């Protein structure tokens, strides 16, 4: 059995669906389904809904049940209780800004793959020790950006990353060209004014541009 199958089942395929995983904060649960449909229509099917609002779990539940083609995940998962709640809501993957022993223990052997966050080489090595192949690099820009990830590639080739935090459409290609980057995370395609105006056509158009990003 491969490490991916044992520790992060199915995550490689999810992260490979598009070059960008949109990071979504849902304040009004009624917007969750149309937002997700707009992102999927633009070519971004893997969607991270962060557990930063009281309606986040219900938003995940609705997207999982109502949006064809969406692969919804839970972001900002901080502890085992949130991990289990995300799984119960129908999340297909979980994302954390860091990695504690308790959270990694909860994810071990679970059917829900975890993308844990790291910001240092030592944290990356700790994940490799547990058989992880994929990690979130967070916060990407403040923690050193693409140059930092490029420097990790040679000594730590076992780990590939989804950098998130401060990434823009202009910066994304620089990350995507790295051998140890599988995709990037970001929220720039969800401009606040478009969400507030329910301008889902504009969100789909922005998502389509993000979906077309490649190494530049």
C-alpha atoms as a PDB file:
ATOM      1  CA  UNK A   1       0.000   0.000   0.000  1.00  0.00           C
ATOM      2  CA  UNK A   2       1.399   3.415  -0.927  1.00  0.00           C
ATOM      3  CA  UNK A   3       1.868   6.144   1.656  1.00  0.00           C
ATOM      4  CA  UNK A   4      -0.813   8.204  -0.069  1.00  0.00           C
ATOM      5  CA  UNK A   5      -3.302   5.363   0.144  1.00  0.00           C
ATOM      6  CA  UNK A   6      -2.463   4.694   3.803  1.00  0.00           C
ATOM      7  CA  UNK A   7      -2.223   8.243   5.161  1.00  0.00           C
ATOM      8  CA  UNK A   8      -3.898  10.594   2.674  1.00  0.00           C
ATOM      9  CA  UNK A   9      -6.308   8.407   0.685  1.00  0.00           C
ATOM     10  CA  UNK A  10      -7.342  10.003  -2.598  1.00  0.00           C
ATOM     11  CA  UNK A  11      -5.778  13.363  -1.841  1.00  0.00           C
ATOM     12  CA  UNK A  12      -3.355  13.360  -4.763  1.00  0.00           C
ATOM     13  CA  UNK A  13      -6.261  13.089  -7.209  1.00  0.00           C
ATOM     14  CA  UNK A  14      -8.181  15.871  -5.448  1.00  0.00           C
ATOM     15  CA  UNK A  15      -5.237  18.265  -5.455  1.00  0.00           C
ATOM     16  CA  UNK A  16      -4.622  17.475  -9.107  1.00  0.00           C
ATOM     17  CA  UNK A  17      -8.104  18.480 -10.256  1.00  0.00           C
ATOM     18  CA  UNK A  18      -7.079  22.100 -10.937  1.00  0.00           C
ATOM     19  CA  UNK A  19      -4.068  24.344 -10.357  1.00  0.00           C
ATOM     20  CA  UNK A  20      -5.967  26.333  -7.717  1.00  0.00           C
ATOM     21  CA  UNK A  21      -8.036  25.288  -4.707  1.00  0.00           C
ATOM     22  CA  UNK A  22     -10.349  28.193  -3.838  1.00  0.00           C
ATOM     23  CA  UNK A  23     -10.448  29.010  -0.138  1.00  0.00           C
ATOM     24  CA  UNK A  24     -13.985  30.070   0.745  1.00  0.00           C
ATOM     25  CA  UNK A  25     -15.311  31.770   3.877  1.00  0.00           C
ATOM     26  CA  UNK A  26     -19.105  31.405   3.997  1.00  0.00           C
ATOM     27  CA  UNK A  27     -20.892  33.963   6.159  1.00  0.00           C
ATOM     28  CA  UNK A  28     -24.390  33.327   4.756  1.00  0.00           C
ATOM     29  CA  UNK A  29     -25.204  29.658   4.264  1.00  0.00           C
ATOM     30  CA  UNK A  30     -27.645  30.524   1.473  1.00  0.00           C
ATOM     31  CA  UNK A  31     -24.697  31.572  -0.697  1.00  0.00           C
ATOM     32  CA  UNK A  32     -22.767  28.325  -0.305  1.00  0.00           C
ATOM     33  CA  UNK A  33     -24.395  26.348  -3.105  1.00  0.00           C
ATOM     34  CA  UNK A  34     -24.435  29.104  -5.758  1.00  0.00           C
ATOM     35  CA  UNK A  35     -20.845  30.035  -4.908  1.00  0.00           C
ATOM     36  CA  UNK A  36     -19.731  26.441  -5.267  1.00  0.00           C
ATOM     37  CA  UNK A  37     -21.640  26.036  -8.517  1.00  0.00           C
ATOM     38  CA  UNK A  38     -19.951  29.172  -9.889  1.00  0.00           C
ATOM     39  CA  UNK A  39     -16.506  27.847  -8.965  1.00  0.00           C
ATOM     40  CA  UNK A  40     -17.179  24.415 -10.470  1.00  0.00           C
ATOM     41  CA  UNK A  41     -18.513  26.023 -13.644  1.00  0.00           C
ATOM     42  CA  UNK A  42     -15.246  27.950 -13.910  1.00  0.00           C
ATOM     43  CA  UNK A  43     -13.163  24.792 -13.617  1.00  0.00           C
ATOM     44  CA  UNK A  44     -12.294  24.752  -9.906  1.00  0.00           C
ATOM     45  CA  UNK A  45     -14.034  21.664  -8.472  1.00  0.00           C
ATOM     46  CA  UNK A  46     -11.949  21.169  -5.313  1.00  0.00           C
ATOM     47  CA  UNK A  47     -13.298  23.771  -2.883  1.00  0.00           C
ATOM     48  CA  UNK A  48     -12.078  24.437   0.651  1.00  0.00           C
ATOM     49  CA  UNK A  49     -14.723  25.918   2.948  1.00  0.00           C
ATOM     50  CA  UNK A  50     -13.050  27.163   6.100  1.00  0.00           C
ATOM     51  CA  UNK A  51     -14.439  26.440   9.548  1.00  0.00           C
ATOM     52  CA  UNK A  52     -14.194  30.098  10.513  1.00  0.00           C
ATOM     53  CA  UNK A  53     -17.920  30.867  10.662  1.00  0.00           C
ATOM     54  CA  UNK A  54     -20.858  29.310  12.520  1.00  0.00           C
ATOM     55  CA  UNK A  55     -22.462  28.178   9.242  1.00  0.00           C
ATOM     56  CA  UNK A  56     -19.391  26.511   7.748  1.00  0.00           C
ATOM     57  CA  UNK A  57     -20.354  22.914   8.502  1.00  0.00           C
ATOM     58  CA  UNK A  58     -23.859  23.409   7.139  1.00  0.00           C
ATOM     59  CA  UNK A  59     -22.341  25.031   4.047  1.00  0.00           C
ATOM     60  CA  UNK A  60     -20.147  21.952   3.540  1.00  0.00           C
ATOM     61  CA  UNK A  61     -23.163  19.697   4.009  1.00  0.00           C
ATOM     62  CA  UNK A  62     -25.185  21.579   1.402  1.00  0.00           C
ATOM     63  CA  UNK A  63     -22.397  21.764  -1.165  1.00  0.00           C
ATOM     64  CA  UNK A  64     -21.623  18.072  -0.708  1.00  0.00           C
ATOM     65  CA  UNK A  65     -25.257  17.158  -1.243  1.00  0.00           C
ATOM     66  CA  UNK A  66     -26.341  19.639  -3.901  1.00  0.00           C
ATOM     67  CA  UNK A  67     -23.449  20.687  -6.149  1.00  0.00           C
ATOM     68  CA  UNK A  68     -22.648  18.232  -8.904  1.00  0.00           C
ATOM     69  CA  UNK A  69     -18.955  18.018  -9.632  1.00  0.00           C
ATOM     70  CA  UNK A  70     -17.855  19.719  -6.428  1.00  0.00           C
ATOM     71  CA  UNK A  71     -15.245  18.091  -4.200  1.00  0.00           C
ATOM     72  CA  UNK A  72     -15.737  20.019  -1.001  1.00  0.00           C
ATOM     73  CA  UNK A  73     -13.227  20.130   1.804  1.00  0.00           C
ATOM     74  CA  UNK A  74     -13.090  21.660   5.260  1.00  0.00           C
ATOM     75  CA  UNK A  75     -10.404  24.218   6.007  1.00  0.00           C
ATOM     76  CA  UNK A  76      -8.993  25.614   9.247  1.00  0.00           C
ATOM     77  CA  UNK A  77      -9.463  22.240  10.933  1.00  0.00           C
ATOM     78  CA  UNK A  78      -7.691  22.667  14.266  1.00  0.00           C
ATOM     79  CA  UNK A  79      -8.547  19.647  16.408  1.00  0.00           C
ATOM     80  CA  UNK A  80      -9.978  16.107  16.323  1.00  0.00           C
ATOM     81  CA  UNK A  81     -13.524  17.296  17.055  1.00  0.00           C
ATOM     82  CA  UNK A  82     -13.516  19.583  14.021  1.00  0.00           C
ATOM     83  CA  UNK A  83     -11.979  16.831  11.911  1.00  0.00           C
ATOM     84  CA  UNK A  84     -14.763  14.431  12.868  1.00  0.00           C
ATOM     85  CA  UNK A  85     -17.443  17.094  12.353  1.00  0.00           C
ATOM     86  CA  UNK A  86     -16.084  17.831   8.880  1.00  0.00           C
ATOM     87  CA  UNK A  87     -16.235  14.150   7.975  1.00  0.00           C
ATOM     88  CA  UNK A  88     -19.806  13.904   9.261  1.00  0.00           C
ATOM     89  CA  UNK A  89     -20.797  16.942   7.166  1.00  0.00           C
ATOM     90  CA  UNK A  90     -19.619  15.253   3.982  1.00  0.00           C
ATOM     91  CA  UNK A  91     -16.208  16.846   3.481  1.00  0.00           C
ATOM     92  CA  UNK A  92     -13.974  14.956   1.058  1.00  0.00           C
ATOM     93  CA  UNK A  93     -10.735  16.366   2.457  1.00  0.00           C
ATOM     94  CA  UNK A  94      -9.589  18.434   5.432  1.00  0.00           C
ATOM     95  CA  UNK A  95      -7.012  21.215   5.595  1.00  0.00           C
ATOM     96  CA  UNK A  96      -5.203  22.579   8.630  1.00  0.00           C
ATOM     97  CA  UNK A  97      -2.916  25.603   8.985  1.00  0.00           C
ATOM     98  CA  UNK A  98      -0.558  23.477  11.069  1.00  0.00           C
ATOM     99  CA  UNK A  99      -0.219  19.985  12.471  1.00  0.00           C
ATOM    100  CA  UNK A 100      -0.531  18.859  16.078  1.00  0.00           C
ATOM    101  CA  UNK A 101       0.025  15.324  17.273  1.00  0.00           C
ATOM    102  CA  UNK A 102      -3.625  15.076  18.331  1.00  0.00           C
ATOM    103  CA  UNK A 103      -4.879  16.119  14.907  1.00  0.00           C
ATOM    104  CA  UNK A 104      -2.512  13.800  13.069  1.00  0.00           C
ATOM    105  CA  UNK A 105      -3.509  10.939  15.353  1.00  0.00           C
ATOM    106  CA  UNK A 106      -7.190  11.619  14.595  1.00  0.00           C
ATOM    107  CA  UNK A 107      -6.501  11.559  10.862  1.00  0.00           C
ATOM    108  CA  UNK A 108      -4.468   8.347  11.015  1.00  0.00           C
ATOM    109  CA  UNK A 109      -6.446   5.569   9.399  1.00  0.00           C
ATOM    110  CA  UNK A 110      -9.448   7.819   8.740  1.00  0.00           C
ATOM    111  CA  UNK A 111     -11.135   7.798   5.369  1.00  0.00           C
ATOM    112  CA  UNK A 112     -10.945  11.593   5.269  1.00  0.00           C
ATOM    113  CA  UNK A 113      -7.527  12.719   4.003  1.00  0.00           C
ATOM    114  CA  UNK A 114      -5.835  15.569   5.843  1.00  0.00           C
ATOM    115  CA  UNK A 115      -3.666  18.250   4.229  1.00  0.00           C
ATOM    116  CA  UNK A 116      -1.722  19.557   7.241  1.00  0.00           C
ATOM    117  CA  UNK A 117       0.142  22.840   7.214  1.00  0.00           C
ATOM    118  CA  UNK A 118       3.868  23.409   7.667  1.00  0.00           C
ATOM    119  CA  UNK A 119       6.140  26.450   7.612  1.00  0.00           C
ATOM    120  CA  UNK A 120       9.539  24.946   8.449  1.00  0.00           C
ATOM    121  CA  UNK A 121      11.778  22.102   7.364  1.00  0.00           C
ATOM    122  CA  UNK A 122      11.451  20.455  10.775  1.00  0.00           C
ATOM    123  CA  UNK A 123       7.661  20.452  10.511  1.00  0.00           C
ATOM    124  CA  UNK A 124       7.935  18.957   7.032  1.00  0.00           C
ATOM    125  CA  UNK A 125      10.236  16.215   8.325  1.00  0.00           C
ATOM    126  CA  UNK A 126       7.748  15.386  11.087  1.00  0.00           C
ATOM    127  CA  UNK A 127       5.068  14.792   8.450  1.00  0.00           C
ATOM    128  CA  UNK A 128       7.414  12.687   6.337  1.00  0.00           C
ATOM    129  CA  UNK A 129       8.067  10.535   9.424  1.00  0.00           C
ATOM    130  CA  UNK A 130       4.337   9.816   9.542  1.00  0.00           C
ATOM    131  CA  UNK A 131       4.166   8.879   5.862  1.00  0.00           C
ATOM    132  CA  UNK A 132       2.679  12.102   4.529  1.00  0.00           C
ATOM    133  CA  UNK A 133       3.292  13.026   0.902  1.00  0.00           C
ATOM    134  CA  UNK A 134       1.345  16.295   0.693  1.00  0.00           C
ATOM    135  CA  UNK A 135       1.280  19.368   2.901  1.00  0.00           C
ATOM    136  CA  UNK A 136      -0.043  22.887   2.904  1.00  0.00           C
ATOM    137  CA  UNK A 137       2.703  25.530   2.996  1.00  0.00           C
ATOM    138  CA  UNK A 138       1.238  28.297   5.122  1.00  0.00           C
ATOM    139  CA  UNK A 139       1.386  31.233   5.253  1.00  0.00           C
ATOM    140  CA  UNK A 140       3.143  30.969   1.928  1.00  0.00           C
ATOM    141  CA  UNK A 141       4.258  34.512   1.178  1.00  0.00           C
ATOM    142  CA  UNK A 142       5.125  35.595   4.752  1.00  0.00           C
ATOM    143  CA  UNK A 143       6.928  32.269   5.356  1.00  0.00           C
ATOM    144  CA  UNK A 144       9.341  32.682   2.450  1.00  0.00           C
ATOM    145  CA  UNK A 145       7.367  32.263  -0.738  1.00  0.00           C
ATOM    146  CA  UNK A 146       8.323  30.299  -3.815  1.00  0.00           C
ATOM    147  CA  UNK A 147      12.038  30.680  -3.155  1.00  0.00           C
ATOM    148  CA  UNK A 148      11.654  28.927   0.197  1.00  0.00           C
ATOM    149  CA  UNK A 149       9.724  26.027  -1.320  1.00  0.00           C
ATOM    150  CA  UNK A 150      12.272  25.687  -4.101  1.00  0.00           C
ATOM    151  CA  UNK A 151      14.987  25.379  -1.451  1.00  0.00           C
ATOM    152  CA  UNK A 152      13.072  22.543   0.281  1.00  0.00           C
ATOM    153  CA  UNK A 153      12.725  20.478  -2.891  1.00  0.00           C
ATOM    154  CA  UNK A 154      16.228  19.008  -2.910  1.00  0.00           C
ATOM    155  CA  UNK A 155      16.603  17.918   0.740  1.00  0.00           C
ATOM    156  CA  UNK A 156      12.925  16.931   1.164  1.00  0.00           C
ATOM    157  CA  UNK A 157      11.775  15.439  -2.162  1.00  0.00           C
ATOM    158  CA  UNK A 158       9.255  13.196  -0.395  1.00  0.00           C
ATOM    159  CA  UNK A 159       6.825  16.045   0.188  1.00  0.00           C
ATOM    160  CA  UNK A 160       4.768  18.089  -2.289  1.00  0.00           C
ATOM    161  CA  UNK A 161       2.896  21.241  -1.374  1.00  0.00           C
ATOM    162  CA  UNK A 162      -0.227  23.309  -1.797  1.00  0.00           C
ATOM    163  CA  UNK A 163       1.057  26.760  -0.820  1.00  0.00           C
ATOM    164  CA  UNK A 164      -1.618  29.097   0.551  1.00  0.00           C
ATOM    165  CA  UNK A 165      -1.514  32.563   2.041  1.00  0.00           C
ATOM    166  CA  UNK A 166      -0.899  35.807   0.206  1.00  0.00           C
ATOM    167  CA  UNK A 167      -0.874  34.201  -3.223  1.00  0.00           C
ATOM    168  CA  UNK A 168      -2.199  36.299  -6.109  1.00  0.00           C
ATOM    169  CA  UNK A 169      -2.819  35.492  -9.783  1.00  0.00           C
ATOM    170  CA  UNK A 170       0.522  37.153 -10.530  1.00  0.00           C
ATOM    171  CA  UNK A 171       2.430  35.069  -7.970  1.00  0.00           C
ATOM    172  CA  UNK A 172       0.691  31.739  -8.595  1.00  0.00           C
ATOM    173  CA  UNK A 173       2.622  30.742 -11.765  1.00  0.00           C
ATOM    174  CA  UNK A 174       5.915  31.109  -9.902  1.00  0.00           C
ATOM    175  CA  UNK A 175       4.742  28.526  -7.397  1.00  0.00           C
ATOM    176  CA  UNK A 176       3.151  26.226  -9.965  1.00  0.00           C
ATOM    177  CA  UNK A 177       6.397  25.873 -11.906  1.00  0.00           C
ATOM    178  CA  UNK A 178       8.105  24.287  -8.887  1.00  0.00           C
ATOM    179  CA  UNK A 179       8.561  20.526  -8.973  1.00  0.00           C
ATOM    180  CA  UNK A 180       7.304  20.182  -5.390  1.00  0.00           C
ATOM    181  CA  UNK A 181       4.092  22.189  -5.848  1.00  0.00           C
ATOM    182  CA  UNK A 182       0.950  20.336  -6.918  1.00  0.00           C
ATOM    183  CA  UNK A 183      -1.477  23.293  -6.701  1.00  0.00           C
ATOM    184  CA  UNK A 184      -1.974  26.565  -4.844  1.00  0.00           C
ATOM    185  CA  UNK A 185      -4.732  27.804  -2.573  1.00  0.00           C
ATOM    186  CA  UNK A 186      -6.276  31.239  -2.761  1.00  0.00           C
ATOM    187  CA  UNK A 187      -9.402  33.346  -2.572  1.00  0.00           C
ATOM    188  CA  UNK A 188      -8.744  36.065  -5.146  1.00  0.00           C
ATOM    189  CA  UNK A 189     -11.441  34.746  -7.494  1.00  0.00           C
ATOM    190  CA  UNK A 190     -14.026  35.488  -4.788  1.00  0.00           C
ATOM    191  CA  UNK A 191     -13.980  39.262  -4.721  1.00  0.00           C
ATOM    192  CA  UNK A 192     -16.058  40.652  -1.884  1.00  0.00           C
ATOM    193  CA  UNK A 193     -18.141  42.901  -4.101  1.00  0.00           C
ATOM    194  CA  UNK A 194     -19.038  40.014  -6.420  1.00  0.00           C
ATOM    195  CA  UNK A 195     -20.077  37.821  -3.502  1.00  0.00           C
ATOM    196  CA  UNK A 196     -22.112  40.646  -1.940  1.00  0.00           C
ATOM    197  CA  UNK A 197     -23.882  41.354  -5.245  1.00  0.00           C
ATOM    198  CA  UNK A 198     -24.450  37.648  -5.964  1.00  0.00           C
ATOM    199  CA  UNK A 199     -22.593  38.187  -9.247  1.00  0.00           C
ATOM    200  CA  UNK A 200     -21.916  34.520  -9.832  1.00  0.00           C
ATOM    201  CA  UNK A 201     -21.102  35.098 -13.490  1.00  0.00           C
ATOM    202  CA  UNK A 202     -18.140  37.245 -12.463  1.00  0.00           C
ATOM    203  CA  UNK A 203     -17.017  34.575  -9.999  1.00  0.00           C
ATOM    204  CA  UNK A 204     -17.207  31.905 -12.700  1.00  0.00           C
ATOM    205  CA  UNK A 205     -15.173  34.102 -15.047  1.00  0.00           C
ATOM    206  CA  UNK A 206     -12.519  34.678 -12.383  1.00  0.00           C
ATOM    207  CA  UNK A 207     -12.463  30.977 -11.575  1.00  0.00           C
ATOM    208  CA  UNK A 208     -11.929  30.149 -15.242  1.00  0.00           C
ATOM    209  CA  UNK A 209      -8.873  32.403 -15.343  1.00  0.00           C
ATOM    210  CA  UNK A 210      -7.528  30.716 -12.197  1.00  0.00           C
ATOM    211  CA  UNK A 211      -8.187  27.287 -13.683  1.00  0.00           C
ATOM    212  CA  UNK A 212      -6.112  28.199 -16.723  1.00  0.00           C
ATOM    213  CA  UNK A 213      -3.047  29.177 -14.682  1.00  0.00           C
ATOM    214  CA  UNK A 214       0.078  27.229 -15.372  1.00  0.00           C
ATOM    215  CA  UNK A 215       3.708  27.752 -14.663  1.00  0.00           C
ATOM    216  CA  UNK A 216       4.886  30.981 -16.176  1.00  0.00           C
END
